[in-house]
Structures are given as C-alpha cells and as structure tokens.
C-alpha atoms as a PDB file:
ATOM      1  CA  MET A   1     162.823  40.832 132.631  1.00  0.00           C
ATOM      2  CA  LYS A   2     163.297  42.554 135.954  1.00  0.00           C
ATOM      3  CA  ILE A   3     164.665  46.085 135.591  1.00  0.00           C
ATOM      4  CA  PHE A   4     167.308  46.775 138.186  1.00  0.00           C
ATOM      5  CA  SER A   5     167.123  50.064 140.043  1.00  0.00           C
ATOM      6  CA  PHE A   6     170.209  51.540 141.660  1.00  0.00           C
ATOM      7  CA  ASP A   7     168.463  53.805 144.143  1.00  0.00           C
ATOM      8  CA  LYS A   8     167.688  52.553 147.636  1.00  0.00           C
ATOM      9  CA  THR A   9     165.229  49.991 146.343  1.00  0.00           C
ATOM     10  CA  GLN A  10     164.293  46.519 147.434  1.00  0.00           C
ATOM     11  CA  ASP A  11     165.966  45.101 144.327  1.00  0.00           C
ATOM     12  CA  GLU A  12     169.297  46.675 145.208  1.00  0.00           C
ATOM     13  CA  ARG A  13     169.160  45.490 148.788  1.00  0.00           C
ATOM     14  CA  THR A  14     168.210  42.007 147.643  1.00  0.00           C
ATOM     15  CA  LEU A  15     171.159  41.674 145.301  1.00  0.00           C
ATOM     16  CA  GLU A  16     173.631  43.105 147.785  1.00  0.00           C
ATOM     17  CA  LYS A  17     172.291  40.697 150.402  1.00  0.00           C
ATOM     18  CA  ARG A  18     172.756  37.799 147.996  1.00  0.00           C
ATOM     19  CA  ILE A  19     176.385  38.639 147.309  1.00  0.00           C
ATOM     20  CA  GLU A  20     176.956  39.665 150.946  1.00  0.00           C
ATOM     21  CA  TYR A  21     178.473  43.000 149.999  1.00  0.00           C
ATOM     22  CA  ARG A  22     177.074  46.544 150.163  1.00  0.00           C
ATOM     23  CA  PHE A  23     178.535  48.976 147.670  1.00  0.00           C
ATOM     24  CA  ARG A  24     179.646  52.410 148.720  1.00  0.00           C
ATOM     25  CA  LYS A  25     179.813  53.575 145.098  1.00  0.00           C
ATOM     26  CA  LYS A  26     176.536  52.480 143.515  1.00  0.00           C
ATOM     27  CA  ALA A  27     177.749  53.585 140.072  1.00  0.00           C
ATOM     28  CA  LEU A  28     180.175  50.641 140.081  1.00  0.00           C
ATOM     29  CA  LEU A  29     177.330  48.227 140.733  1.00  0.00           C
ATOM     30  CA  GLU A  30     175.308  49.828 137.950  1.00  0.00           C
ATOM     31  CA  SER A  31     178.160  49.534 135.463  1.00  0.00           C
ATOM     32  CA  ALA A  32     178.866  45.908 136.401  1.00  0.00           C
ATOM     33  CA  LEU A  33     175.283  44.983 135.582  1.00  0.00           C
ATOM     34  CA  THR A  34     174.916  47.018 132.386  1.00  0.00           C
ATOM     35  CA  HIS A  35     175.264  44.987 129.189  1.00  0.00           C
ATOM     36  CA  PRO A  36     176.784  46.825 126.175  1.00  0.00           C
ATOM     37  CA  SER A  37     173.471  46.443 124.315  1.00  0.00           C
ATOM     38  CA  TYR A  38     171.718  48.572 126.936  1.00  0.00           C
ATOM     39  CA  ARG A  39     174.299  51.335 126.694  1.00  0.00           C
ATOM     40  CA  TYR A  40     174.022  51.285 122.896  1.00  0.00           C
ATOM     41  CA  GLU A  41     170.258  51.836 123.070  1.00  0.00           C
ATOM     42  CA  ASN A  42     170.275  54.339 125.954  1.00  0.00           C
ATOM     43  CA  ALA A  43     172.273  57.511 125.544  1.00  0.00           C
ATOM     44  CA  ALA A  44     171.937  58.282 129.257  1.00  0.00           C
ATOM     45  CA  ALA A  45     173.926  55.170 130.185  1.00  0.00           C
ATOM     46  CA  GLU A  46     177.481  56.378 130.747  1.00  0.00           C
ATOM     47  CA  SER A  47     179.198  52.992 130.900  1.00  0.00           C
ATOM     48  CA  ASP A  48     178.751  49.240 130.524  1.00  0.00           C
ATOM     49  CA  ASN A  49     180.452  46.247 132.127  1.00  0.00           C
ATOM     50  CA  GLN A  50     183.218  45.581 129.594  1.00  0.00           C
ATOM     51  CA  ARG A  51     186.032  47.405 131.388  1.00  0.00           C
ATOM     52  CA  LEU A  52     185.028  45.947 134.745  1.00  0.00           C
ATOM     53  CA  GLU A  53     184.872  42.475 133.182  1.00  0.00           C
ATOM     54  CA  PHE A  54     188.463  42.911 131.966  1.00  0.00           C
ATOM     55  CA  LEU A  55     189.564  43.900 135.481  1.00  0.00           C
ATOM     56  CA  GLY A  56     187.501  41.184 137.144  1.00  0.00           C
ATOM     57  CA  ASP A  57     189.071  38.492 134.956  1.00  0.00           C
ATOM     58  CA  ALA A  58     192.526  39.481 136.209  1.00  0.00           C
ATOM     59  CA  VAL A  59     191.343  39.711 139.835  1.00  0.00           C
ATOM     60  CA  LEU A  60     189.735  36.282 139.528  1.00  0.00           C
ATOM     61  CA  GLY A  61     193.023  34.682 138.506  1.00  0.00           C
ATOM     62  CA  LEU A  62     194.880  36.346 141.368  1.00  0.00           C
ATOM     63  CA  LEU A  63     192.344  35.374 144.025  1.00  0.00           C
ATOM     64  CA  ALA A  64     192.002  31.808 142.759  1.00  0.00           C
ATOM     65  CA  ALA A  65     195.768  31.351 142.912  1.00  0.00           C
ATOM     66  CA  ASP A  66     195.925  32.884 146.392  1.00  0.00           C
ATOM     67  CA  VAL A  67     193.101  30.807 147.862  1.00  0.00           C
ATOM     68  CA  LEU A  68     194.170  27.533 146.242  1.00  0.00           C
ATOM     69  CA  THR A  69     197.776  27.937 147.387  1.00  0.00           C
ATOM     70  CA  GLU A  70     196.585  28.542 150.942  1.00  0.00           C
ATOM     71  CA  LYS A  71     194.128  25.645 151.034  1.00  0.00           C
ATOM     72  CA  ASN A  72     196.335  23.087 149.247  1.00  0.00           C
ATOM     73  CA  PRO A  73     199.774  23.362 150.886  1.00  0.00           C
ATOM     74  CA  GLN A  74     200.950  20.005 149.508  1.00  0.00           C
ATOM     75  CA  ALA A  75     199.912  20.575 145.886  1.00  0.00           C
ATOM     76  CA  ASN A  76     202.624  21.221 143.317  1.00  0.00           C
ATOM     77  CA  GLU A  77     202.520  23.858 140.595  1.00  0.00           C
ATOM     78  CA  GLY A  78     200.918  21.587 138.023  1.00  0.00           C
ATOM     79  CA  GLU A  79     198.152  20.504 140.408  1.00  0.00           C
ATOM     80  CA  LEU A  80     197.452  24.091 141.431  1.00  0.00           C
ATOM     81  CA  THR A  81     197.317  25.152 137.798  1.00  0.00           C
ATOM     82  CA  ARG A  82     194.740  22.493 136.978  1.00  0.00           C
ATOM     83  CA  LEU A  83     192.656  23.377 140.029  1.00  0.00           C
ATOM     84  CA  LYS A  84     192.790  27.049 139.108  1.00  0.00           C
ATOM     85  CA  SER A  85     191.702  26.253 135.563  1.00  0.00           C
ATOM     86  CA  SER A  86     188.651  24.376 136.843  1.00  0.00           C
ATOM     87  CA  ILE A  87     187.588  27.019 139.349  1.00  0.00           C
ATOM     88  CA  THR A  88     187.972  29.929 136.921  1.00  0.00           C
ATOM     89  CA  SER A  89     186.423  28.107 133.966  1.00  0.00           C
ATOM     90  CA  GLY A  90     183.428  29.533 132.183  1.00  0.00           C
ATOM     91  CA  SER A  91     181.186  26.709 133.393  1.00  0.00           C
ATOM     92  CA  ALA A  92     182.130  27.358 137.035  1.00  0.00           C
ATOM     93  CA  LEU A  93     181.447  31.086 136.705  1.00  0.00           C
ATOM     94  CA  VAL A  94     178.133  30.527 134.938  1.00  0.00           C
ATOM     95  CA  SER A  95     177.070  28.108 137.670  1.00  0.00           C
ATOM     96  CA  ALA A  96     177.953  30.669 140.345  1.00  0.00           C
ATOM     97  CA  ALA A  97     176.138  33.448 138.485  1.00  0.00           C
ATOM     98  CA  ARG A  98     172.998  31.328 138.131  1.00  0.00           C
ATOM     99  CA  SER A  99     173.042  30.399 141.812  1.00  0.00           C
ATOM    100  CA  LEU A 100     172.964  34.138 142.589  1.00  0.00           C
ATOM    101  CA  GLY A 101     170.153  34.779 140.113  1.00  0.00           C
ATOM    102  CA  LEU A 102     172.403  37.347 138.499  1.00  0.00           C
ATOM    103  CA  GLY A 103     170.694  37.268 135.110  1.00  0.00           C
ATOM    104  CA  GLU A 104     167.540  38.915 136.388  1.00  0.00           C
ATOM    105  CA  TYR A 105     169.460  42.022 137.456  1.00  0.00           C
ATOM    106  CA  ILE A 106     171.469  42.689 134.283  1.00  0.00           C
ATOM    107  CA  ARG A 107     170.235  45.570 132.116  1.00  0.00           C
ATOM    108  CA  PHE A 108     169.981  44.609 128.453  1.00  0.00           C
ATOM    109  CA  GLY A 109     168.947  46.309 125.271  1.00  0.00           C
ATOM    110  CA  LYS A 110     165.508  45.299 123.999  1.00  0.00           C
ATOM    111  CA  GLY A 111     166.842  42.920 121.346  1.00  0.00           C
ATOM    112  CA  GLU A 112     169.251  41.135 123.690  1.00  0.00           C
ATOM    113  CA  ALA A 113     166.594  40.831 126.370  1.00  0.00           C
ATOM    114  CA  ALA A 114     164.049  39.424 123.928  1.00  0.00           C
ATOM    115  CA  SER A 115     166.507  36.812 122.661  1.00  0.00           C
ATOM    116  CA  GLY A 116     167.156  35.365 126.120  1.00  0.00           C
ATOM    117  CA  GLY A 117     170.198  37.404 127.063  1.00  0.00           C
ATOM    118  CA  ALA A 118     169.498  37.013 130.788  1.00  0.00           C
ATOM    119  CA  ASP A 119     170.201  33.278 130.537  1.00  0.00           C
ATOM    120  CA  ARG A 120     173.061  33.378 128.023  1.00  0.00           C
ATOM    121  CA  ASP A 121     176.233  31.828 129.446  1.00  0.00           C
ATOM    122  CA  SER A 122     178.582  34.482 128.080  1.00  0.00           C
ATOM    123  CA  ASN A 123     176.507  37.308 129.566  1.00  0.00           C
ATOM    124  CA  LEU A 124     176.389  35.654 132.982  1.00  0.00           C
ATOM    125  CA  GLU A 125     180.122  34.946 132.986  1.00  0.00           C
ATOM    126  CA  ASP A 126     180.967  38.513 131.965  1.00  0.00           C
ATOM    127  CA  ALA A 127     178.613  40.022 134.539  1.00  0.00           C
ATOM    128  CA  LEU A 128     180.038  37.962 137.398  1.00  0.00           C
ATOM    129  CA  GLU A 129     183.605  38.931 136.470  1.00  0.00           C
ATOM    130  CA  ALA A 130     182.502  42.560 136.177  1.00  0.00           C
ATOM    131  CA  LEU A 131     180.853  42.349 139.593  1.00  0.00           C
ATOM    132  CA  LEU A 132     184.076  40.995 141.085  1.00  0.00           C
ATOM    133  CA  GLY A 133     185.980  43.850 139.454  1.00  0.00           C
ATOM    134  CA  ALA A 134     183.490  46.330 140.876  1.00  0.00           C
ATOM    135  CA  VAL A 135     183.878  44.906 144.390  1.00  0.00           C
ATOM    136  CA  TRP A 136     187.661  45.147 144.004  1.00  0.00           C
ATOM    137  CA  LEU A 137     187.458  48.844 143.099  1.00  0.00           C
ATOM    138  CA  ASP A 138     184.864  49.615 145.771  1.00  0.00           C
ATOM    139  CA  GLY A 139     186.221  47.658 148.712  1.00  0.00           C
ATOM    140  CA  GLY A 140     189.739  46.541 147.844  1.00  0.00           C
ATOM    141  CA  LEU A 141     191.495  43.192 148.118  1.00  0.00           C
ATOM    142  CA  LYS A 142     189.862  42.048 151.368  1.00  0.00           C
ATOM    143  CA  ALA A 143     186.335  42.621 150.085  1.00  0.00           C
ATOM    144  CA  ALA A 144     187.082  41.027 146.724  1.00  0.00           C
ATOM    145  CA  ARG A 145     188.533  37.928 148.354  1.00  0.00           C
ATOM    146  CA  LYS A 146     185.473  37.508 150.573  1.00  0.00           C
ATOM    147  CA  PHE A 147     183.226  37.881 147.541  1.00  0.00           C
ATOM    148  CA  PHE A 148     185.246  35.294 145.629  1.00  0.00           C
ATOM    149  CA  GLU A 149     185.304  32.763 148.469  1.00  0.00           C
ATOM    150  CA  ARG A 150     181.608  33.093 149.319  1.00  0.00           C
ATOM    151  CA  ASN A 151     180.140  33.291 145.829  1.00  0.00           C
ATOM    152  CA  ILE A 152     182.531  31.354 143.592  1.00  0.00           C
ATOM    153  CA  PHE A 153     185.013  29.159 145.457  1.00  0.00           C
ATOM    154  CA  GLN A 154     182.911  27.753 148.297  1.00  0.00           C
ATOM    155  CA  PRO A 155     179.867  26.792 146.182  1.00  0.00           C
ATOM    156  CA  LEU A 156     182.125  24.914 143.769  1.00  0.00           C
ATOM    157  CA  GLU A 157     184.178  23.272 146.523  1.00  0.00           C
ATOM    158  CA  SER A 158     181.209  22.150 148.618  1.00  0.00           C
ATOM    159  CA  GLY A 159     178.577  21.577 145.976  1.00  0.00           C
ATOM    160  CA  ALA A 160     179.865  20.794 142.518  1.00  0.00           C
ATOM    161  CA  PRO A 161     176.746  18.839 141.482  1.00  0.00           C
ATOM    162  CA  ALA A 162     178.206  18.472 137.993  1.00  0.00           C
ATOM    163  CA  LEU A 163     180.842  16.101 139.390  1.00  0.00           C
ATOM    164  CA  GLY A 164     178.167  13.578 140.332  1.00  0.00           C
ATOM    165  CA  ASN A 165     179.965  10.855 142.297  1.00  0.00           C
ATOM    166  CA  PRO A 166     183.543  12.118 142.853  1.00  0.00           C
ATOM    167  CA  LYS A 167     184.670   8.996 144.782  1.00  0.00           C
ATOM    168  CA  GLY A 168     183.454   6.762 141.991  1.00  0.00           C
ATOM    169  CA  MET A 169     185.038   8.990 139.339  1.00  0.00           C
ATOM    170  CA  LEU A 170     188.333   8.974 141.194  1.00  0.00           C
ATOM    171  CA  GLN A 171     188.354   5.197 141.572  1.00  0.00           C
ATOM    172  CA  GLU A 172     187.543   4.755 137.872  1.00  0.00           C
ATOM    173  CA  TYR A 173     190.363   7.133 136.967  1.00  0.00           C
ATOM    174  CA  ALA A 174     192.831   5.275 139.221  1.00  0.00           C
ATOM    175  CA  GLN A 175     191.917   1.962 137.624  1.00  0.00           C
ATOM    176  CA  LYS A 176     192.240   3.444 134.148  1.00  0.00           C
ATOM    177  CA  LYS A 177     195.743   4.686 134.954  1.00  0.00           C
ATOM    178  CA  GLY A 178     196.823   1.453 136.634  1.00  0.00           C
ATOM    179  CA  TYR A 179     197.055   3.028 140.094  1.00  0.00           C
ATOM    180  CA  ALA A 180     196.114   1.332 143.349  1.00  0.00           C
ATOM    181  CA  VAL A 181     192.640   1.974 144.749  1.00  0.00           C
ATOM    182  CA  PRO A 182     192.488   5.483 146.289  1.00  0.00           C
ATOM    183  CA  ASN A 183     193.313   5.354 149.992  1.00  0.00           C
ATOM    184  CA  TYR A 184     191.360   7.543 152.444  1.00  0.00           C
ATOM    185  CA  GLN A 185     192.844   8.362 155.851  1.00  0.00           C
ATOM    186  CA  VAL A 186     191.269  10.392 158.660  1.00  0.00           C
ATOM    187  CA  LEU A 187     193.854  12.951 159.769  1.00  0.00           C
ATOM    188  CA  GLU A 188     191.683  14.659 162.352  1.00  0.00           C
ATOM    189  CA  ALA A 189     188.326  14.104 164.059  1.00  0.00           C
ATOM    190  CA  SER A 190     187.235  16.757 166.510  1.00  0.00           C
ATOM    191  CA  GLY A 191     184.263  18.527 168.040  1.00  0.00           C
ATOM    192  CA  PRO A 192     181.285  17.353 170.144  1.00  0.00           C
ATOM    193  CA  ASP A 193     178.918  14.656 168.900  1.00  0.00           C
ATOM    194  CA  HIS A 194     176.417  17.181 167.545  1.00  0.00           C
ATOM    195  CA  ALA A 195     179.053  19.179 165.654  1.00  0.00           C
ATOM    196  CA  ARG A 196     181.781  16.836 164.506  1.00  0.00           C
ATOM    197  CA  HIS A 197     184.541  17.930 162.144  1.00  0.00           C
ATOM    198  CA  TYR A 198     186.638  15.573 160.040  1.00  0.00           C
ATOM    199  CA  LEU A 199     189.784  16.155 158.015  1.00  0.00           C
ATOM    200  CA  VAL A 200     190.494  13.384 155.509  1.00  0.00           C
ATOM    201  CA  GLU A 201     193.324  12.845 153.047  1.00  0.00           C
ATOM    202  CA  VAL A 202     192.983  10.737 149.919  1.00  0.00           C
ATOM    203  CA  THR A 203     196.111   9.358 148.282  1.00  0.00           C
ATOM    204  CA  VAL A 204     196.181   8.421 144.599  1.00  0.00           C
ATOM    205  CA  SER A 205     199.518   7.162 143.356  1.00  0.00           C
ATOM    206  CA  THR A 206     201.964   9.864 144.523  1.00  0.00           C
ATOM    207  CA  TYR A 207     199.282  12.552 144.871  1.00  0.00           C
ATOM    208  CA  ALA A 208     197.423  13.539 148.038  1.00  0.00           C
ATOM    209  CA  TYR A 209     194.379  15.774 148.511  1.00  0.00           C
ATOM    210  CA  ARG A 210     192.508  16.813 151.642  1.00  0.00           C
ATOM    211  CA  GLY A 211     188.851  17.440 152.363  1.00  0.00           C
ATOM    212  CA  GLU A 212     186.812  18.530 155.385  1.00  0.00           C
ATOM    213  CA  GLY A 213     183.250  17.891 156.493  1.00  0.00           C
ATOM    214  CA  PRO A 214     180.838  17.212 159.361  1.00  0.00           C
ATOM    215  CA  SER A 215     181.141  13.468 158.778  1.00  0.00           C
ATOM    216  CA  ARG A 216     183.843  11.114 157.555  1.00  0.00           C
ATOM    217  CA  ARG A 217     181.797  10.360 154.458  1.00  0.00           C
ATOM    218  CA  GLU A 218     181.396  14.038 153.579  1.00  0.00           C
ATOM    219  CA  ALA A 219     185.086  14.741 154.184  1.00  0.00           C
ATOM    220  CA  GLU A 220     186.060  11.815 151.945  1.00  0.00           C
ATOM    221  CA  LYS A 221     183.712  13.110 149.240  1.00  0.00           C
ATOM    222  CA  ASN A 222     185.244  16.591 149.405  1.00  0.00           C
ATOM    223  CA  ALA A 223     188.776  15.169 149.278  1.00  0.00           C
ATOM    224  CA  ALA A 224     187.848  13.067 146.255  1.00  0.00           C
ATOM    225  CA  GLN A 225     186.254  16.090 144.643  1.00  0.00           C
ATOM    226  CA  LYS A 226     189.487  18.051 144.887  1.00  0.00           C
ATOM    227  CA  ALA A 227     191.361  15.128 143.378  1.00  0.00           C
ATOM    228  CA  VAL A 228     188.827  14.866 140.561  1.00  0.00           C
ATOM    229  CA  LEU A 229     189.012  18.577 139.790  1.00  0.00           C
ATOM    230  CA  CYS A 230     192.780  18.391 139.630  1.00  0.00           C
ATOM    231  CA  MET A 231     193.456  14.993 138.070  1.00  0.00           C
ATOM    232  CA  VAL A 232     190.333  13.836 136.269  1.00  0.00           C
ATOM    233  CA  LYS A 233     188.074  16.626 135.110  1.00  0.00           C
ATOM    234  CA  PRO A 234     190.730  18.614 133.216  1.00  0.00           C
ATOM    235  CA  ALA A 235     191.696  15.476 131.342  1.00  0.00           C
ATOM    236  CA  GLY A 236     188.070  14.817 130.444  1.00  0.00           C
ATOM    237  CA  LEU A 237     187.533  11.344 131.849  1.00  0.00           C
END
C-alpha cells in the first residue's frame, strides 16, 4: 500500500492534481484520508475522517440538489429526488473514488490494510465524502461545488458505464409500462463542423429529459441516460 505523505511531496501534488484542488490547510487533507484504524494504531494521529465524512455527506446532498435543479429545469420534485438518490448512492461514490485512485492514498492500520481495506467499498465511499467535507472547510461552497461537479457529477453524467445501453433500457422500460416509443427531438444544433454541439430532448409518456453532446447520437444517449437514472434504475428494471 502506498503511504501518503502530507509534506510537499510528489504524492500530495499528484492527488491534488487528480481532484483539481490544492489545499491551503494540509491537515484537512490528512484527516480526510486517515481511516479510524490508522488513528487507533498510531497515537501521533490527531484525527481520522469520521467527522469530515459526516459533514461531507450533508454537503453532498446539498450540492446534488443544487446542481440537479439547475440542470433539469423541467423536472418535478419526484424526478429530482430520484436523480439525487442515484447520484449520491454508494455505488456512484465508490465508482468516483475508484476513478480517482483514492484507495491508494488512504492511511490504514496494519490489519485493515492487510485485509484489502484500500479496495473496500465502504472505505472508499467514506473517504470521498470526507474529502468533499475537507474541500468545503478549506475552500468554501464554490470550491466544494467545483469538486463535486468535476469528480462526482460529471463522470456519472457522461460516463455511467454501468448503465450499458441507456436508449435500449429506456425503450424496454417504456414498452413494459405501456408507453409509446421514446421520442427524441433535436432542440439545438450549433457550432462549426469540427466542434458541433447538440441539445436533444427525449419524451417518455408525460416526462421529458434533455442531454447534450458533440453529436446527435451522443446527445440522445445522454438524454436517455438521465431518463434511465430517474425512471428506470431506481425502480430496478
């Protein structure tokens, strides 16, 4: 296991580059990445990430609600609630933490490290929430929102490999519910040929979701993905 150093080391710079945030108070970064097992075994460790994880969980809910409300102006309360549940779920946080390689920087006690603690879902989820809480304390709302959008929201919105084929999933769901086939409509197509931008809306029954992308196909996929996250995935198709 890599041991994280909180001096001006290459490891510190690497992690801060990954999350695109440089801490002013390095002690917050240290605490966010200190598992309780390490503090238990090392008397010199003054804190662990439990308090920051508690704060980060609350910040996560706030930022998710803020970003989703802004990006989905037509969604009602129920749709926003389901979207928020998906984005703040344990699986979404674990995926984001793994994409950052966060496990290799967490300090564990010897027993936890030996038993695979760096790859344990609960440890990764807690550490990412603690890191968000640390950014909130160090840089405030603006910094925390940027961290959330770059490292949690955007990867899920644009990637979401776990969703597989969102257009196919959405069509299957519509058929299952007796709805008409999902209808995709291009609302906007702009930009030069080498840098096109499309805004597409998909309508399913009385619900509508929008997606953007460099091609019509990609925009349709992103719109379907939002619909799947809201309508299908929570219901466990």
